[in-house]
N, C-alpha and C. Protein backbone atom coordinates (compact mmCIF):
# COMPACT_ATOMS: atom_id res chain seq x y z
N MET A 1 -5.38 -35.05 27.37
CA MET A 1 -4.34 -34.55 26.49
C MET A 1 -4.52 -35.13 25.10
N THR A 2 -3.90 -34.53 24.12
CA THR A 2 -3.92 -35.08 22.78
C THR A 2 -3.09 -36.35 22.76
N LEU A 3 -3.60 -37.37 22.11
CA LEU A 3 -2.98 -38.68 22.15
C LEU A 3 -2.17 -38.97 20.90
N LEU A 4 -0.98 -39.50 21.08
CA LEU A 4 -0.19 -40.04 19.98
C LEU A 4 -0.55 -41.51 19.92
N ILE A 5 -1.30 -41.90 18.90
CA ILE A 5 -1.94 -43.20 18.95
C ILE A 5 -1.19 -44.28 18.19
N ASP A 6 -1.44 -45.51 18.60
CA ASP A 6 -1.01 -46.68 17.83
C ASP A 6 -2.09 -46.88 16.77
N THR A 7 -1.81 -46.54 15.55
CA THR A 7 -2.85 -46.40 14.55
C THR A 7 -3.55 -47.70 14.19
N SER A 8 -2.87 -48.83 14.23
CA SER A 8 -3.50 -50.07 13.80
C SER A 8 -4.72 -50.44 14.64
N PRO A 9 -4.60 -50.54 15.98
CA PRO A 9 -5.78 -50.86 16.77
C PRO A 9 -6.80 -49.74 16.80
N ALA A 10 -6.34 -48.48 16.83
CA ALA A 10 -7.26 -47.36 16.96
C ALA A 10 -8.17 -47.24 15.75
N LEU A 11 -7.69 -47.64 14.58
CA LEU A 11 -8.46 -47.49 13.36
C LEU A 11 -8.86 -48.83 12.75
N SER A 12 -8.91 -49.84 13.57
CA SER A 12 -9.18 -51.19 13.07
C SER A 12 -10.58 -51.32 12.48
N LYS A 13 -11.51 -50.41 12.85
CA LYS A 13 -12.87 -50.48 12.35
C LYS A 13 -13.06 -49.66 11.07
N SER A 14 -12.00 -49.03 10.61
CA SER A 14 -12.12 -48.24 9.39
C SER A 14 -12.44 -49.13 8.21
N PRO A 15 -13.30 -48.65 7.29
CA PRO A 15 -13.64 -49.45 6.10
C PRO A 15 -12.51 -49.53 5.09
N ASN A 16 -11.46 -48.73 5.25
CA ASN A 16 -10.37 -48.74 4.29
C ASN A 16 -9.61 -50.06 4.38
N THR A 17 -9.19 -50.56 3.24
CA THR A 17 -8.43 -51.81 3.21
C THR A 17 -6.94 -51.56 3.14
N LYS A 18 -6.53 -50.41 2.65
CA LYS A 18 -5.11 -50.09 2.57
C LYS A 18 -4.54 -49.93 3.97
N PRO A 19 -3.39 -50.53 4.25
CA PRO A 19 -2.81 -50.44 5.59
C PRO A 19 -2.49 -49.00 5.97
N TRP A 20 -2.60 -48.71 7.27
CA TRP A 20 -2.23 -47.39 7.76
C TRP A 20 -0.72 -47.33 7.96
N PRO A 21 -0.11 -46.19 7.70
CA PRO A 21 1.35 -46.08 7.85
C PRO A 21 1.76 -46.09 9.33
N PRO A 22 3.00 -46.42 9.62
CA PRO A 22 3.49 -46.33 11.00
C PRO A 22 3.66 -44.87 11.41
N GLN A 23 3.71 -44.63 12.72
CA GLN A 23 3.95 -43.28 13.19
C GLN A 23 5.28 -42.76 12.63
N GLY A 24 5.28 -41.50 12.28
CA GLY A 24 6.44 -40.88 11.66
C GLY A 24 6.38 -40.88 10.15
N LYS A 25 5.42 -41.63 9.57
CA LYS A 25 5.33 -41.77 8.12
C LYS A 25 3.99 -41.29 7.55
N TRP A 26 3.17 -40.68 8.40
CA TRP A 26 1.87 -40.23 7.92
C TRP A 26 2.01 -39.05 6.97
N ALA A 27 1.17 -39.03 5.92
CA ALA A 27 1.12 -37.93 4.95
C ALA A 27 -0.33 -37.47 4.81
N TYR A 28 -0.51 -36.38 4.09
CA TYR A 28 -1.86 -35.82 3.94
C TYR A 28 -2.80 -36.80 3.26
N GLU A 29 -2.27 -37.59 2.33
CA GLU A 29 -3.10 -38.57 1.63
C GLU A 29 -3.64 -39.62 2.60
N ASP A 30 -2.85 -40.00 3.59
CA ASP A 30 -3.32 -40.94 4.61
C ASP A 30 -4.38 -40.29 5.49
N TYR A 31 -4.12 -39.06 5.88
CA TYR A 31 -5.07 -38.31 6.71
C TYR A 31 -6.44 -38.23 6.04
N ARG A 32 -6.46 -38.04 4.71
CA ARG A 32 -7.72 -37.90 3.99
C ARG A 32 -8.55 -39.18 4.04
N ARG A 33 -7.94 -40.31 4.35
CA ARG A 33 -8.68 -41.58 4.41
C ARG A 33 -9.28 -41.85 5.79
N LEU A 34 -8.99 -40.99 6.76
CA LEU A 34 -9.46 -41.23 8.12
C LEU A 34 -10.98 -41.14 8.21
N PRO A 35 -11.59 -41.91 9.09
CA PRO A 35 -13.06 -41.89 9.20
C PRO A 35 -13.56 -40.61 9.85
N ASP A 36 -14.77 -40.23 9.52
CA ASP A 36 -15.43 -39.10 10.16
C ASP A 36 -16.16 -39.64 11.39
N ASP A 37 -15.42 -39.74 12.50
CA ASP A 37 -15.93 -40.44 13.67
C ASP A 37 -16.02 -39.57 14.92
N GLY A 38 -15.93 -38.25 14.74
CA GLY A 38 -16.05 -37.36 15.88
C GLY A 38 -14.74 -36.97 16.54
N TRP A 39 -13.65 -37.65 16.17
CA TRP A 39 -12.34 -37.29 16.71
C TRP A 39 -11.70 -36.20 15.86
N ILE A 40 -10.84 -35.40 16.48
CA ILE A 40 -10.06 -34.41 15.76
C ILE A 40 -8.70 -35.00 15.46
N TYR A 41 -8.34 -35.07 14.17
CA TYR A 41 -7.06 -35.66 13.76
C TYR A 41 -6.13 -34.58 13.23
N GLU A 42 -4.84 -34.71 13.55
CA GLU A 42 -3.81 -33.84 13.01
C GLU A 42 -2.58 -34.69 12.73
N VAL A 43 -1.78 -34.26 11.76
CA VAL A 43 -0.54 -34.96 11.43
C VAL A 43 0.62 -33.98 11.60
N ILE A 44 1.44 -34.22 12.61
CA ILE A 44 2.56 -33.34 12.92
C ILE A 44 3.86 -34.10 12.77
N GLU A 45 4.69 -33.63 11.86
CA GLU A 45 5.98 -34.26 11.56
C GLU A 45 5.83 -35.77 11.35
N GLY A 46 4.79 -36.12 10.59
CA GLY A 46 4.58 -37.51 10.22
C GLY A 46 3.87 -38.36 11.24
N ASN A 47 3.52 -37.79 12.40
CA ASN A 47 2.83 -38.53 13.45
C ASN A 47 1.36 -38.15 13.50
N LEU A 48 0.51 -39.15 13.63
CA LEU A 48 -0.92 -38.92 13.73
C LEU A 48 -1.29 -38.66 15.19
N LEU A 49 -1.99 -37.54 15.42
CA LEU A 49 -2.49 -37.21 16.75
C LEU A 49 -4.00 -37.12 16.69
N MET A 50 -4.65 -37.42 17.81
CA MET A 50 -6.10 -37.36 17.86
C MET A 50 -6.54 -36.84 19.21
N SER A 51 -7.68 -36.16 19.21
CA SER A 51 -8.25 -35.67 20.45
C SER A 51 -9.76 -35.60 20.31
N PRO A 52 -10.49 -35.66 21.43
CA PRO A 52 -11.96 -35.60 21.36
C PRO A 52 -12.44 -34.20 21.07
N ALA A 53 -13.74 -34.07 20.85
CA ALA A 53 -14.33 -32.76 20.60
C ALA A 53 -14.12 -31.84 21.80
N PRO A 54 -14.00 -30.53 21.56
CA PRO A 54 -13.75 -29.58 22.66
C PRO A 54 -14.92 -29.49 23.62
N GLN A 55 -14.61 -29.03 24.85
CA GLN A 55 -15.64 -28.81 25.85
C GLN A 55 -16.38 -27.50 25.57
N THR A 56 -17.49 -27.31 26.26
CA THR A 56 -18.36 -26.16 25.96
C THR A 56 -17.68 -24.82 26.25
N ARG A 57 -16.87 -24.73 27.32
CA ARG A 57 -16.21 -23.46 27.62
C ARG A 57 -15.23 -23.09 26.51
N HIS A 58 -14.54 -24.09 26.00
CA HIS A 58 -13.64 -23.89 24.85
C HIS A 58 -14.41 -23.31 23.68
N GLN A 59 -15.57 -23.89 23.38
CA GLN A 59 -16.35 -23.47 22.22
C GLN A 59 -16.94 -22.07 22.40
N ARG A 60 -17.36 -21.74 23.61
CA ARG A 60 -17.86 -20.39 23.88
C ARG A 60 -16.76 -19.36 23.63
N CYS A 61 -15.58 -19.67 24.11
CA CYS A 61 -14.44 -18.78 23.92
C CYS A 61 -14.11 -18.65 22.43
N SER A 62 -14.13 -19.76 21.72
CA SER A 62 -13.84 -19.76 20.29
C SER A 62 -14.83 -18.90 19.51
N ILE A 63 -16.10 -19.04 19.82
CA ILE A 63 -17.14 -18.27 19.12
C ILE A 63 -16.95 -16.77 19.36
N LYS A 64 -16.73 -16.39 20.60
CA LYS A 64 -16.59 -14.97 20.93
C LYS A 64 -15.36 -14.36 20.25
N LEU A 65 -14.26 -15.09 20.28
CA LEU A 65 -13.04 -14.56 19.69
C LEU A 65 -13.11 -14.53 18.16
N THR A 66 -13.65 -15.58 17.57
CA THR A 66 -13.81 -15.63 16.11
C THR A 66 -14.70 -14.48 15.63
N THR A 67 -15.79 -14.24 16.35
CA THR A 67 -16.72 -13.17 15.97
C THR A 67 -16.03 -11.81 15.99
N ARG A 68 -15.25 -11.56 17.02
CA ARG A 68 -14.56 -10.27 17.12
C ARG A 68 -13.52 -10.10 16.01
N PHE A 69 -12.78 -11.16 15.74
CA PHE A 69 -11.80 -11.09 14.65
C PHE A 69 -12.50 -10.89 13.30
N GLU A 70 -13.53 -11.66 13.05
CA GLU A 70 -14.24 -11.57 11.77
C GLU A 70 -14.83 -10.19 11.55
N ASN A 71 -15.45 -9.64 12.59
CA ASN A 71 -16.05 -8.31 12.46
C ASN A 71 -14.99 -7.25 12.14
N PHE A 72 -13.85 -7.33 12.81
CA PHE A 72 -12.79 -6.36 12.58
C PHE A 72 -12.19 -6.52 11.18
N VAL A 73 -11.90 -7.76 10.80
CA VAL A 73 -11.28 -8.02 9.50
C VAL A 73 -12.22 -7.65 8.36
N GLU A 74 -13.50 -7.96 8.51
CA GLU A 74 -14.48 -7.62 7.48
C GLU A 74 -14.62 -6.10 7.33
N LYS A 75 -14.69 -5.41 8.45
CA LYS A 75 -14.84 -3.95 8.43
C LYS A 75 -13.65 -3.26 7.77
N ASN A 76 -12.46 -3.81 7.98
CA ASN A 76 -11.24 -3.18 7.49
C ASN A 76 -10.68 -3.81 6.22
N GLY A 77 -11.36 -4.82 5.70
CA GLY A 77 -10.89 -5.49 4.49
C GLY A 77 -9.48 -6.02 4.63
N ALA A 78 -9.21 -6.60 5.82
CA ALA A 78 -7.83 -6.96 6.16
C ALA A 78 -7.40 -8.34 5.69
N GLY A 79 -8.35 -9.21 5.37
CA GLY A 79 -7.96 -10.55 4.95
C GLY A 79 -9.05 -11.57 5.21
N VAL A 80 -8.66 -12.73 5.72
CA VAL A 80 -9.58 -13.85 5.92
C VAL A 80 -9.41 -14.43 7.32
N VAL A 81 -10.53 -14.70 7.97
CA VAL A 81 -10.54 -15.39 9.26
C VAL A 81 -11.23 -16.73 9.07
N LEU A 82 -10.61 -17.81 9.54
CA LEU A 82 -11.20 -19.15 9.48
C LEU A 82 -11.08 -19.80 10.86
N TYR A 83 -11.93 -20.79 11.09
CA TYR A 83 -11.91 -21.47 12.39
C TYR A 83 -12.02 -22.97 12.18
N ALA A 84 -11.69 -23.72 13.22
CA ALA A 84 -11.69 -25.18 13.13
C ALA A 84 -13.10 -25.72 12.92
N PRO A 85 -13.19 -26.82 12.14
CA PRO A 85 -12.07 -27.54 11.51
C PRO A 85 -11.72 -26.98 10.13
N THR A 86 -10.49 -26.52 10.00
CA THR A 86 -9.92 -26.11 8.71
C THR A 86 -8.53 -26.71 8.61
N ASP A 87 -8.28 -27.47 7.57
CA ASP A 87 -6.95 -28.07 7.39
C ASP A 87 -5.94 -27.00 6.99
N VAL A 88 -4.82 -26.98 7.69
CA VAL A 88 -3.72 -26.07 7.37
C VAL A 88 -2.48 -26.91 7.10
N ILE A 89 -1.96 -26.80 5.88
CA ILE A 89 -0.78 -27.54 5.47
C ILE A 89 0.46 -26.69 5.69
N LEU A 90 1.35 -27.17 6.53
CA LEU A 90 2.64 -26.50 6.76
C LEU A 90 3.70 -27.45 6.22
N ARG A 91 4.09 -27.26 4.99
CA ARG A 91 4.98 -28.19 4.29
C ARG A 91 6.25 -28.49 5.10
N GLY A 92 6.52 -29.77 5.25
CA GLY A 92 7.71 -30.20 5.97
C GLY A 92 7.53 -30.26 7.48
N HIS A 93 6.35 -29.80 7.96
CA HIS A 93 6.13 -29.76 9.40
C HIS A 93 4.84 -30.47 9.81
N ALA A 94 3.73 -30.12 9.15
CA ALA A 94 2.43 -30.66 9.54
C ALA A 94 1.52 -30.74 8.32
N ASN A 95 0.88 -31.90 8.16
CA ASN A 95 0.01 -32.13 7.00
C ASN A 95 -1.24 -32.93 7.39
N PRO A 96 -2.22 -32.36 8.03
CA PRO A 96 -2.35 -30.95 8.39
C PRO A 96 -2.42 -30.77 9.91
N VAL A 97 -2.52 -29.50 10.32
CA VAL A 97 -2.98 -29.15 11.66
C VAL A 97 -4.33 -28.46 11.51
N GLN A 98 -5.07 -28.38 12.62
CA GLN A 98 -6.36 -27.70 12.62
C GLN A 98 -6.40 -26.71 13.78
N PRO A 99 -5.77 -25.54 13.60
CA PRO A 99 -5.81 -24.54 14.67
C PRO A 99 -7.24 -24.09 14.95
N ASP A 100 -7.46 -23.58 16.15
CA ASP A 100 -8.82 -23.14 16.49
C ASP A 100 -9.26 -21.94 15.65
N ILE A 101 -8.37 -20.96 15.48
CA ILE A 101 -8.69 -19.76 14.69
C ILE A 101 -7.43 -19.35 13.94
N ILE A 102 -7.62 -18.92 12.68
CA ILE A 102 -6.47 -18.41 11.92
C ILE A 102 -6.86 -17.13 11.19
N PHE A 103 -5.86 -16.30 10.96
CA PHE A 103 -6.03 -15.09 10.16
C PHE A 103 -4.97 -15.08 9.06
N ILE A 104 -5.42 -14.83 7.84
CA ILE A 104 -4.51 -14.69 6.70
C ILE A 104 -4.70 -13.29 6.13
N SER A 105 -3.63 -12.55 6.01
CA SER A 105 -3.71 -11.17 5.53
C SER A 105 -4.15 -11.11 4.06
N LYS A 106 -4.68 -9.98 3.67
CA LYS A 106 -5.21 -9.79 2.32
C LYS A 106 -4.16 -10.08 1.25
N LYS A 107 -2.93 -9.64 1.48
CA LYS A 107 -1.89 -9.81 0.48
C LYS A 107 -1.44 -11.27 0.33
N ARG A 108 -1.80 -12.13 1.32
CA ARG A 108 -1.41 -13.54 1.26
C ARG A 108 -2.62 -14.46 1.07
N ARG A 109 -3.72 -13.89 0.62
CA ARG A 109 -4.97 -14.64 0.51
C ARG A 109 -4.86 -15.82 -0.44
N LYS A 110 -3.89 -15.80 -1.33
CA LYS A 110 -3.76 -16.89 -2.31
C LYS A 110 -3.47 -18.24 -1.66
N ILE A 111 -3.02 -18.26 -0.41
CA ILE A 111 -2.76 -19.56 0.25
C ILE A 111 -4.06 -20.23 0.69
N VAL A 112 -5.17 -19.50 0.64
CA VAL A 112 -6.48 -20.07 0.99
C VAL A 112 -7.06 -20.75 -0.24
N LYS A 113 -7.04 -22.08 -0.23
CA LYS A 113 -7.57 -22.86 -1.35
C LYS A 113 -9.00 -23.31 -1.04
N LYS A 114 -9.61 -23.99 -1.98
CA LYS A 114 -10.99 -24.44 -1.81
C LYS A 114 -11.13 -25.42 -0.66
N GLU A 115 -10.18 -26.36 -0.52
CA GLU A 115 -10.31 -27.41 0.47
C GLU A 115 -9.50 -27.17 1.74
N ARG A 116 -8.49 -26.30 1.67
CA ARG A 116 -7.57 -26.17 2.80
C ARG A 116 -6.75 -24.89 2.65
N VAL A 117 -5.95 -24.62 3.66
CA VAL A 117 -4.99 -23.52 3.61
C VAL A 117 -3.61 -24.13 3.39
N GLU A 118 -2.91 -23.66 2.38
CA GLU A 118 -1.61 -24.21 2.03
C GLU A 118 -0.52 -23.15 2.29
N GLY A 119 -0.02 -23.16 3.51
CA GLY A 119 0.99 -22.20 3.91
C GLY A 119 0.72 -21.70 5.31
N ALA A 120 1.64 -20.93 5.84
CA ALA A 120 1.54 -20.45 7.22
C ALA A 120 0.60 -19.26 7.32
N PRO A 121 -0.45 -19.34 8.14
CA PRO A 121 -1.26 -18.16 8.41
C PRO A 121 -0.42 -17.06 9.06
N ASP A 122 -0.89 -15.84 8.97
CA ASP A 122 -0.19 -14.73 9.63
C ASP A 122 -0.35 -14.80 11.15
N LEU A 123 -1.51 -15.30 11.59
CA LEU A 123 -1.82 -15.38 13.01
C LEU A 123 -2.58 -16.67 13.29
N ILE A 124 -2.18 -17.35 14.36
CA ILE A 124 -2.86 -18.57 14.79
C ILE A 124 -3.25 -18.42 16.26
N ILE A 125 -4.47 -18.88 16.57
CA ILE A 125 -4.93 -18.93 17.96
C ILE A 125 -5.27 -20.36 18.31
N GLU A 126 -4.70 -20.84 19.41
CA GLU A 126 -5.06 -22.14 19.96
C GLU A 126 -5.70 -21.91 21.33
N ILE A 127 -6.84 -22.55 21.55
CA ILE A 127 -7.55 -22.47 22.81
C ILE A 127 -7.34 -23.78 23.55
N LEU A 128 -6.77 -23.70 24.74
CA LEU A 128 -6.37 -24.90 25.45
C LEU A 128 -7.55 -25.75 25.90
N SER A 129 -7.36 -27.05 25.83
CA SER A 129 -8.25 -28.04 26.43
C SER A 129 -7.42 -28.88 27.39
N PRO A 130 -8.06 -29.58 28.33
CA PRO A 130 -7.30 -30.37 29.30
C PRO A 130 -6.36 -31.38 28.66
N TRP A 131 -6.71 -31.87 27.46
CA TRP A 131 -5.92 -32.94 26.84
C TRP A 131 -4.96 -32.45 25.76
N ASN A 132 -4.92 -31.14 25.47
CA ASN A 132 -4.05 -30.70 24.37
C ASN A 132 -3.07 -29.60 24.75
N TRP A 133 -3.06 -29.17 26.00
CA TRP A 133 -2.22 -28.03 26.36
C TRP A 133 -0.75 -28.29 26.09
N ASN A 134 -0.31 -29.55 26.29
CA ASN A 134 1.12 -29.85 26.09
C ASN A 134 1.50 -29.79 24.61
N ILE A 135 0.57 -30.10 23.72
CA ILE A 135 0.84 -30.00 22.28
C ILE A 135 0.88 -28.53 21.86
N ASP A 136 -0.10 -27.75 22.32
CA ASP A 136 -0.16 -26.34 21.94
C ASP A 136 1.04 -25.56 22.46
N ARG A 137 1.56 -25.96 23.61
CA ARG A 137 2.72 -25.27 24.19
C ARG A 137 4.04 -25.93 23.78
N GLY A 138 3.96 -27.11 23.19
CA GLY A 138 5.16 -27.85 22.85
C GLY A 138 5.41 -27.93 21.36
N SER A 139 4.98 -29.03 20.74
CA SER A 139 5.30 -29.27 19.34
C SER A 139 4.69 -28.22 18.42
N LYS A 140 3.44 -27.81 18.66
CA LYS A 140 2.84 -26.80 17.80
C LYS A 140 3.55 -25.45 17.95
N PHE A 141 3.93 -25.12 19.16
CA PHE A 141 4.65 -23.88 19.42
C PHE A 141 5.91 -23.80 18.56
N GLN A 142 6.66 -24.89 18.52
CA GLN A 142 7.89 -24.93 17.75
C GLN A 142 7.63 -24.96 16.25
N ILE A 143 6.64 -25.75 15.84
CA ILE A 143 6.33 -25.89 14.42
C ILE A 143 5.82 -24.58 13.84
N TYR A 144 4.93 -23.90 14.54
CA TYR A 144 4.40 -22.64 14.04
C TYR A 144 5.51 -21.62 13.85
N ALA A 145 6.46 -21.60 14.78
CA ALA A 145 7.59 -20.67 14.65
C ALA A 145 8.44 -21.02 13.43
N ARG A 146 8.77 -22.30 13.28
CA ARG A 146 9.60 -22.72 12.16
C ARG A 146 8.90 -22.49 10.82
N ALA A 147 7.58 -22.61 10.81
CA ALA A 147 6.81 -22.43 9.57
C ALA A 147 6.64 -20.96 9.21
N GLY A 148 6.90 -20.05 10.16
CA GLY A 148 6.81 -18.63 9.87
C GLY A 148 5.51 -17.97 10.25
N VAL A 149 4.74 -18.57 11.17
CA VAL A 149 3.52 -17.94 11.67
C VAL A 149 3.94 -16.73 12.51
N ARG A 150 3.54 -15.55 12.12
CA ARG A 150 4.09 -14.32 12.70
C ARG A 150 3.57 -14.02 14.10
N GLU A 151 2.39 -14.50 14.42
CA GLU A 151 1.82 -14.23 15.75
C GLU A 151 1.04 -15.45 16.22
N TYR A 152 1.20 -15.78 17.50
CA TYR A 152 0.57 -16.98 18.06
C TYR A 152 -0.04 -16.64 19.41
N TRP A 153 -1.34 -16.88 19.52
CA TRP A 153 -2.05 -16.68 20.78
C TRP A 153 -2.34 -18.04 21.41
N ILE A 154 -2.11 -18.15 22.71
CA ILE A 154 -2.53 -19.31 23.48
C ILE A 154 -3.56 -18.82 24.50
N VAL A 155 -4.79 -19.27 24.34
CA VAL A 155 -5.88 -18.83 25.19
C VAL A 155 -6.23 -19.95 26.18
N ASP A 156 -6.26 -19.62 27.45
CA ASP A 156 -6.64 -20.57 28.49
C ASP A 156 -8.00 -20.17 29.03
N PRO A 157 -9.08 -20.86 28.60
CA PRO A 157 -10.42 -20.46 29.02
C PRO A 157 -10.69 -20.73 30.50
N GLU A 158 -9.97 -21.68 31.10
CA GLU A 158 -10.15 -21.98 32.52
C GLU A 158 -9.52 -20.90 33.38
N MET A 159 -8.29 -20.53 33.08
CA MET A 159 -7.58 -19.50 33.83
C MET A 159 -7.95 -18.10 33.39
N ARG A 160 -8.62 -18.01 32.24
CA ARG A 160 -9.04 -16.73 31.66
C ARG A 160 -7.83 -15.85 31.39
N THR A 161 -6.90 -16.41 30.61
CA THR A 161 -5.69 -15.69 30.24
C THR A 161 -5.43 -15.84 28.75
N VAL A 162 -4.68 -14.88 28.21
CA VAL A 162 -4.23 -14.93 26.82
C VAL A 162 -2.74 -14.63 26.81
N GLU A 163 -1.96 -15.54 26.21
CA GLU A 163 -0.54 -15.30 26.00
C GLU A 163 -0.33 -14.98 24.52
N LEU A 164 0.34 -13.87 24.25
CA LEU A 164 0.54 -13.43 22.88
C LEU A 164 2.03 -13.49 22.56
N PHE A 165 2.37 -14.30 21.56
CA PHE A 165 3.75 -14.47 21.13
C PHE A 165 3.91 -13.89 19.73
N VAL A 166 5.04 -13.24 19.48
CA VAL A 166 5.34 -12.72 18.15
C VAL A 166 6.68 -13.29 17.69
N LEU A 167 6.77 -13.49 16.37
CA LEU A 167 7.96 -14.10 15.80
C LEU A 167 9.08 -13.06 15.68
N ARG A 168 10.20 -13.38 16.30
CA ARG A 168 11.39 -12.55 16.21
C ARG A 168 12.52 -13.43 15.67
N GLN A 169 13.00 -13.12 14.48
CA GLN A 169 13.95 -14.00 13.79
C GLN A 169 13.24 -15.32 13.52
N ASP A 170 13.65 -16.40 14.18
CA ASP A 170 13.03 -17.70 13.93
C ASP A 170 12.46 -18.33 15.20
N SER A 171 12.18 -17.52 16.23
CA SER A 171 11.60 -18.05 17.46
C SER A 171 10.60 -17.05 18.03
N TYR A 172 9.75 -17.52 18.93
CA TYR A 172 8.71 -16.68 19.50
C TYR A 172 9.19 -15.93 20.74
N GLU A 173 8.75 -14.69 20.83
CA GLU A 173 8.99 -13.85 21.99
C GLU A 173 7.64 -13.52 22.61
N LEU A 174 7.54 -13.67 23.94
CA LEU A 174 6.29 -13.37 24.63
C LEU A 174 6.08 -11.86 24.67
N LEU A 175 5.05 -11.39 23.95
CA LEU A 175 4.74 -9.98 23.96
C LEU A 175 4.01 -9.59 25.24
N GLY A 176 3.21 -10.54 25.77
CA GLY A 176 2.51 -10.28 27.01
C GLY A 176 1.59 -11.41 27.40
N LYS A 177 1.33 -11.53 28.71
CA LYS A 177 0.34 -12.47 29.23
C LYS A 177 -0.74 -11.64 29.91
N TYR A 178 -1.98 -11.81 29.48
CA TYR A 178 -3.06 -10.94 29.89
C TYR A 178 -4.16 -11.71 30.59
N GLY A 179 -4.67 -11.13 31.65
CA GLY A 179 -5.77 -11.73 32.41
C GLY A 179 -6.98 -10.82 32.41
N VAL A 180 -7.95 -11.16 33.23
CA VAL A 180 -9.18 -10.37 33.34
C VAL A 180 -8.84 -8.93 33.71
N GLY A 181 -9.46 -7.98 33.01
CA GLY A 181 -9.19 -6.57 33.23
C GLY A 181 -8.15 -6.00 32.29
N LYS A 182 -7.52 -6.86 31.50
CA LYS A 182 -6.47 -6.43 30.57
C LYS A 182 -6.99 -6.47 29.13
N ILE A 183 -6.31 -5.73 28.28
CA ILE A 183 -6.66 -5.67 26.86
C ILE A 183 -5.52 -6.27 26.04
N VAL A 184 -5.88 -7.19 25.15
CA VAL A 184 -4.91 -7.82 24.25
C VAL A 184 -4.92 -7.06 22.93
N ARG A 185 -3.75 -6.68 22.47
CA ARG A 185 -3.61 -5.96 21.20
C ARG A 185 -2.72 -6.75 20.25
N SER A 186 -3.24 -7.02 19.06
CA SER A 186 -2.47 -7.76 18.07
C SER A 186 -1.41 -6.86 17.44
N GLU A 187 -0.25 -7.43 17.20
CA GLU A 187 0.80 -6.72 16.48
C GLU A 187 0.64 -6.92 14.97
N VAL A 188 0.29 -8.12 14.57
CA VAL A 188 0.14 -8.46 13.15
C VAL A 188 -1.10 -7.80 12.54
N LEU A 189 -2.21 -7.87 13.26
CA LEU A 189 -3.46 -7.28 12.79
C LEU A 189 -3.61 -5.92 13.47
N SER A 190 -2.97 -4.93 12.90
CA SER A 190 -2.88 -3.61 13.50
C SER A 190 -4.26 -3.02 13.79
N GLY A 191 -4.45 -2.55 15.02
CA GLY A 191 -5.71 -1.93 15.41
C GLY A 191 -6.66 -2.86 16.13
N PHE A 192 -6.40 -4.18 16.04
CA PHE A 192 -7.31 -5.12 16.70
C PHE A 192 -6.96 -5.22 18.18
N LYS A 193 -7.99 -5.12 19.01
CA LYS A 193 -7.81 -5.27 20.45
C LYS A 193 -9.07 -5.87 21.04
N VAL A 194 -8.91 -6.57 22.17
CA VAL A 194 -10.05 -7.21 22.81
C VAL A 194 -9.76 -7.38 24.29
N LYS A 195 -10.80 -7.24 25.10
CA LYS A 195 -10.68 -7.45 26.55
C LYS A 195 -10.76 -8.96 26.84
N VAL A 196 -9.92 -9.42 27.74
CA VAL A 196 -9.87 -10.85 28.04
C VAL A 196 -11.21 -11.37 28.52
N GLU A 197 -11.89 -10.60 29.39
CA GLU A 197 -13.16 -11.08 29.94
C GLU A 197 -14.27 -11.16 28.88
N GLU A 198 -14.08 -10.47 27.76
CA GLU A 198 -15.07 -10.54 26.69
C GLU A 198 -14.97 -11.82 25.89
N ILE A 199 -13.80 -12.46 25.92
CA ILE A 199 -13.62 -13.68 25.13
C ILE A 199 -13.46 -14.92 25.99
N CYS A 200 -13.25 -14.74 27.29
CA CYS A 200 -13.14 -15.87 28.22
C CYS A 200 -14.22 -15.76 29.28
N PRO A 201 -15.42 -16.20 28.96
CA PRO A 201 -16.54 -16.06 29.92
C PRO A 201 -16.35 -16.96 31.12
N GLN A 202 -17.00 -16.62 32.22
CA GLN A 202 -16.92 -17.43 33.43
C GLN A 202 -17.72 -18.72 33.26
């Protein structure tokens, strides 16, 4: 699972001399000082979270899904597709998170800056790992809704399922849970569809 760490011992080998903030007080400026040590770091509501690199099945799923989104978006001039690691700043909620895949519509492309994305993507996809499922279904689920992410996919590469949530008012509604043999259709990215077995290989 993703770990909520005690930052002092975990980062004791960092070359930085400035003290690390306590949990609940982390900001983007602190995150930028973190070492490039192979861990994935995110800051959610002031708390630093870390997790190891994804497993191979996760990455295969990510590549297949990213490719399909990119091909569709490029063909239709619909916007921008990015994949992890990409910092996404959700002001007041997370500074930053690193979703597995994001889509930003053409009309909102201005939130894509040189170093990061500053604002809520139109669509976020998280691909579950054994150590992060509780975060993707818990704190991130709530934060993405509050930040205004219009569509949220949770992909389980082990179970070979896709759950598609859409924002209704200020909370997510499950549009559908799809398994092998089913087709997932995006509401936000009109016309995009994909078979579950094409993105969740055995």
